[in-house]
N, C-alpha and C. Protein backbone atom coordinates (compact mmCIF):
# COMPACT_ATOMS: atom_id res chain seq x y z
N MET A 1 129.71 43.06 167.66
CA MET A 1 129.35 44.22 166.88
C MET A 1 129.94 45.48 167.50
N THR A 2 130.35 46.39 166.64
CA THR A 2 130.99 47.62 167.08
C THR A 2 130.31 48.81 166.40
N LEU A 3 130.11 49.90 167.13
CA LEU A 3 129.59 51.14 166.56
C LEU A 3 130.77 52.01 166.14
N ILE A 4 130.78 52.42 164.87
CA ILE A 4 131.82 53.31 164.38
C ILE A 4 131.20 54.43 163.56
N ASN A 5 131.97 55.45 163.34
CA ASN A 5 131.59 56.55 162.49
C ASN A 5 131.73 56.08 161.04
N MET A 6 130.78 56.43 160.17
CA MET A 6 130.83 55.98 158.78
C MET A 6 132.14 56.38 158.10
N ARG A 7 132.73 57.49 158.47
CA ARG A 7 133.99 57.94 157.87
C ARG A 7 135.09 56.88 158.01
N HIS A 8 135.03 56.08 159.06
CA HIS A 8 136.10 55.12 159.35
C HIS A 8 135.85 53.73 158.78
N MET A 9 134.79 53.57 158.01
CA MET A 9 134.52 52.27 157.40
C MET A 9 135.51 52.01 156.26
N ALA A 10 135.91 50.75 156.12
CA ALA A 10 136.85 50.36 155.07
C ALA A 10 136.10 50.03 153.78
N LYS A 11 136.82 50.04 152.68
CA LYS A 11 136.24 49.67 151.39
C LYS A 11 135.69 48.25 151.48
N HIS A 12 134.49 48.05 150.96
CA HIS A 12 133.76 46.77 150.94
C HIS A 12 133.22 46.37 152.31
N GLN A 13 133.36 47.21 153.31
CA GLN A 13 132.82 46.90 154.64
C GLN A 13 131.32 47.23 154.66
N SER A 14 130.55 46.38 155.32
CA SER A 14 129.10 46.57 155.42
C SER A 14 128.71 46.82 156.86
N GLY A 15 127.56 47.43 157.02
CA GLY A 15 127.05 47.66 158.36
C GLY A 15 125.61 48.14 158.32
N ILE A 16 125.05 48.36 159.48
CA ILE A 16 123.68 48.84 159.61
C ILE A 16 123.71 50.18 160.32
N ILE A 17 123.05 51.17 159.72
CA ILE A 17 123.00 52.50 160.32
C ILE A 17 122.22 52.42 161.63
N LYS A 18 122.81 52.96 162.68
CA LYS A 18 122.17 52.98 164.00
C LYS A 18 121.66 54.36 164.38
N ALA A 19 122.32 55.43 163.93
CA ALA A 19 121.88 56.77 164.32
C ALA A 19 122.40 57.81 163.33
N ILE A 20 121.60 58.86 163.15
CA ILE A 20 122.00 60.05 162.40
C ILE A 20 122.08 61.16 163.44
N LYS A 21 123.27 61.71 163.66
CA LYS A 21 123.51 62.66 164.74
C LYS A 21 123.51 64.11 164.28
N VAL A 22 122.60 64.47 163.37
CA VAL A 22 122.49 65.86 162.93
C VAL A 22 121.03 66.14 162.59
N ASP A 23 120.59 67.35 162.89
CA ASP A 23 119.23 67.78 162.59
C ASP A 23 119.28 68.84 161.50
N GLY A 24 118.19 69.50 161.28
CA GLY A 24 118.14 70.59 160.33
C GLY A 24 118.21 70.12 158.89
N GLU A 25 118.63 71.02 158.03
CA GLU A 25 118.67 70.77 156.59
C GLU A 25 119.58 69.59 156.23
N LEU A 26 120.76 69.52 156.84
CA LEU A 26 121.69 68.42 156.54
C LEU A 26 121.10 67.08 156.98
N GLY A 27 120.52 67.03 158.17
CA GLY A 27 119.91 65.79 158.64
C GLY A 27 118.77 65.34 157.74
N ARG A 28 117.96 66.29 157.29
CA ARG A 28 116.85 65.97 156.39
C ARG A 28 117.38 65.43 155.06
N ARG A 29 118.42 66.07 154.53
CA ARG A 29 118.98 65.64 153.24
C ARG A 29 119.56 64.23 153.33
N ILE A 30 120.27 63.94 154.44
CA ILE A 30 120.85 62.62 154.63
C ILE A 30 119.75 61.57 154.69
N ARG A 31 118.69 61.85 155.44
CA ARG A 31 117.58 60.89 155.56
C ARG A 31 116.85 60.71 154.23
N GLU A 32 116.71 61.78 153.45
CA GLU A 32 116.02 61.68 152.16
C GLU A 32 116.79 60.80 151.17
N MET A 33 118.10 60.66 151.35
CA MET A 33 118.89 59.79 150.49
C MET A 33 118.72 58.32 150.85
N GLY A 34 117.96 58.03 151.91
CA GLY A 34 117.76 56.66 152.33
C GLY A 34 118.69 56.22 153.45
N LEU A 35 119.49 57.14 153.95
CA LEU A 35 120.40 56.83 155.05
C LEU A 35 119.67 57.04 156.36
N VAL A 36 118.91 56.02 156.76
CA VAL A 36 118.08 56.08 157.95
C VAL A 36 118.46 54.93 158.88
N PRO A 37 118.20 55.06 160.18
CA PRO A 37 118.48 53.95 161.09
C PRO A 37 117.81 52.66 160.62
N GLY A 38 118.59 51.59 160.63
CA GLY A 38 118.11 50.28 160.18
C GLY A 38 118.51 49.94 158.75
N ALA A 39 118.95 50.93 157.98
CA ALA A 39 119.35 50.68 156.59
C ALA A 39 120.71 50.00 156.55
N GLU A 40 120.83 48.98 155.69
CA GLU A 40 122.11 48.30 155.51
C GLU A 40 122.88 49.03 154.42
N ILE A 41 124.16 49.29 154.69
CA ILE A 41 125.01 49.99 153.72
C ILE A 41 126.29 49.19 153.50
N THR A 42 126.89 49.44 152.34
CA THR A 42 128.20 48.87 152.01
C THR A 42 129.03 49.97 151.37
N VAL A 43 130.27 50.12 151.81
CA VAL A 43 131.18 51.08 151.20
C VAL A 43 131.70 50.46 149.90
N GLN A 44 131.40 51.11 148.78
CA GLN A 44 131.81 50.62 147.47
C GLN A 44 133.22 51.06 147.11
N GLY A 45 133.59 52.26 147.52
CA GLY A 45 134.92 52.77 147.20
C GLY A 45 135.08 54.19 147.71
N ARG A 46 136.28 54.70 147.52
CA ARG A 46 136.61 56.06 147.94
C ARG A 46 137.42 56.74 146.84
N ALA A 47 137.30 58.05 146.78
CA ALA A 47 138.10 58.84 145.85
C ALA A 47 139.56 58.77 146.28
N PRO A 48 140.49 59.17 145.42
CA PRO A 48 141.91 59.06 145.75
C PRO A 48 142.33 59.68 147.08
N LEU A 49 141.70 60.77 147.50
CA LEU A 49 142.05 61.39 148.79
C LEU A 49 141.05 60.99 149.88
N ASN A 50 140.34 59.88 149.67
CA ASN A 50 139.36 59.31 150.60
C ASN A 50 138.10 60.16 150.78
N ASP A 51 137.87 61.13 149.92
CA ASP A 51 136.68 61.96 150.03
C ASP A 51 136.24 62.36 148.63
N PRO A 52 135.05 62.01 148.18
CA PRO A 52 133.94 61.42 148.92
C PRO A 52 134.01 59.89 148.95
N VAL A 53 133.01 59.32 149.63
CA VAL A 53 132.89 57.87 149.74
C VAL A 53 131.65 57.44 148.95
N ALA A 54 131.77 56.34 148.21
CA ALA A 54 130.65 55.78 147.45
C ALA A 54 130.01 54.68 148.28
N LEU A 55 128.70 54.76 148.46
CA LEU A 55 127.96 53.82 149.29
C LEU A 55 126.91 53.10 148.47
N ARG A 56 126.61 51.90 148.88
CA ARG A 56 125.51 51.14 148.31
C ARG A 56 124.45 51.03 149.39
N VAL A 57 123.24 51.53 149.11
CA VAL A 57 122.13 51.48 150.06
C VAL A 57 120.84 51.28 149.26
N MET A 58 120.03 50.32 149.66
CA MET A 58 118.75 50.02 149.01
C MET A 58 118.89 49.90 147.49
N ASP A 59 119.84 49.12 147.02
CA ASP A 59 120.08 48.88 145.59
C ASP A 59 120.42 50.14 144.80
N CYS A 60 120.91 51.16 145.46
CA CYS A 60 121.36 52.39 144.80
C CYS A 60 122.78 52.71 145.27
N THR A 61 123.51 53.40 144.41
CA THR A 61 124.84 53.87 144.79
C THR A 61 124.76 55.39 144.93
N LEU A 62 125.32 55.90 146.01
CA LEU A 62 125.36 57.34 146.22
C LEU A 62 126.70 57.71 146.80
N THR A 63 127.03 58.99 146.71
CA THR A 63 128.28 59.46 147.30
C THR A 63 127.97 60.43 148.42
N LEU A 64 128.87 60.44 149.38
CA LEU A 64 128.71 61.27 150.57
C LEU A 64 130.07 61.83 150.94
N ARG A 65 130.11 63.11 151.28
CA ARG A 65 131.36 63.71 151.74
C ARG A 65 131.67 63.20 153.14
N ASN A 66 132.95 63.18 153.50
CA ASN A 66 133.33 62.73 154.83
C ASN A 66 132.75 63.61 155.92
N ASN A 67 132.64 64.93 155.67
CA ASN A 67 132.08 65.79 156.72
C ASN A 67 130.59 65.49 156.93
N GLU A 68 129.92 64.89 155.96
CA GLU A 68 128.54 64.43 156.15
C GLU A 68 128.52 63.06 156.81
N ALA A 69 129.44 62.19 156.43
CA ALA A 69 129.53 60.85 157.00
C ALA A 69 129.87 60.88 158.49
N ASP A 70 130.48 61.97 158.94
CA ASP A 70 130.83 62.10 160.37
C ASP A 70 129.61 62.03 161.28
N PHE A 71 128.43 62.34 160.76
CA PHE A 71 127.22 62.38 161.58
C PHE A 71 126.48 61.05 161.61
N ILE A 72 127.01 60.02 160.96
CA ILE A 72 126.30 58.74 160.83
C ILE A 72 127.05 57.66 161.60
N LEU A 73 126.35 57.02 162.56
CA LEU A 73 126.93 55.91 163.32
C LEU A 73 126.44 54.60 162.72
N VAL A 74 127.40 53.68 162.52
CA VAL A 74 127.10 52.41 161.86
C VAL A 74 127.57 51.27 162.74
N GLU A 75 126.76 50.24 162.82
CA GLU A 75 127.14 49.02 163.54
C GLU A 75 127.76 48.05 162.54
N VAL A 76 129.00 47.67 162.77
CA VAL A 76 129.72 46.75 161.90
C VAL A 76 130.15 45.53 162.71
N GLN A 77 130.36 44.43 162.01
CA GLN A 77 130.86 43.23 162.69
C GLN A 77 132.32 43.41 163.00
N ASP A 78 132.71 42.90 164.17
CA ASP A 78 134.12 42.96 164.56
C ASP A 78 134.94 42.12 163.61
N GLN A 79 136.12 42.61 163.29
CA GLN A 79 137.03 41.87 162.42
C GLN A 79 137.71 40.78 163.24
N PRO A 80 137.83 39.55 162.69
CA PRO A 80 138.47 38.46 163.46
C PRO A 80 139.95 38.68 163.67
């Protein structure tokens, strides 16, 4: 298992959120969307310029800007 920044996840890659590295209003908003430590996420796709990213979390799809995804650490399986 490897810890990476959510911004660097590939399309269709899954992982488990390990940490949210921002406080204040942005941290609260990210957590309110269900992006909390322990949540399983899957990258559904990206816009043509790779921003924003579409995520699947708790049977919902949401989008997140890359500058917001920079604050989220995800544990992913190592690629063979």
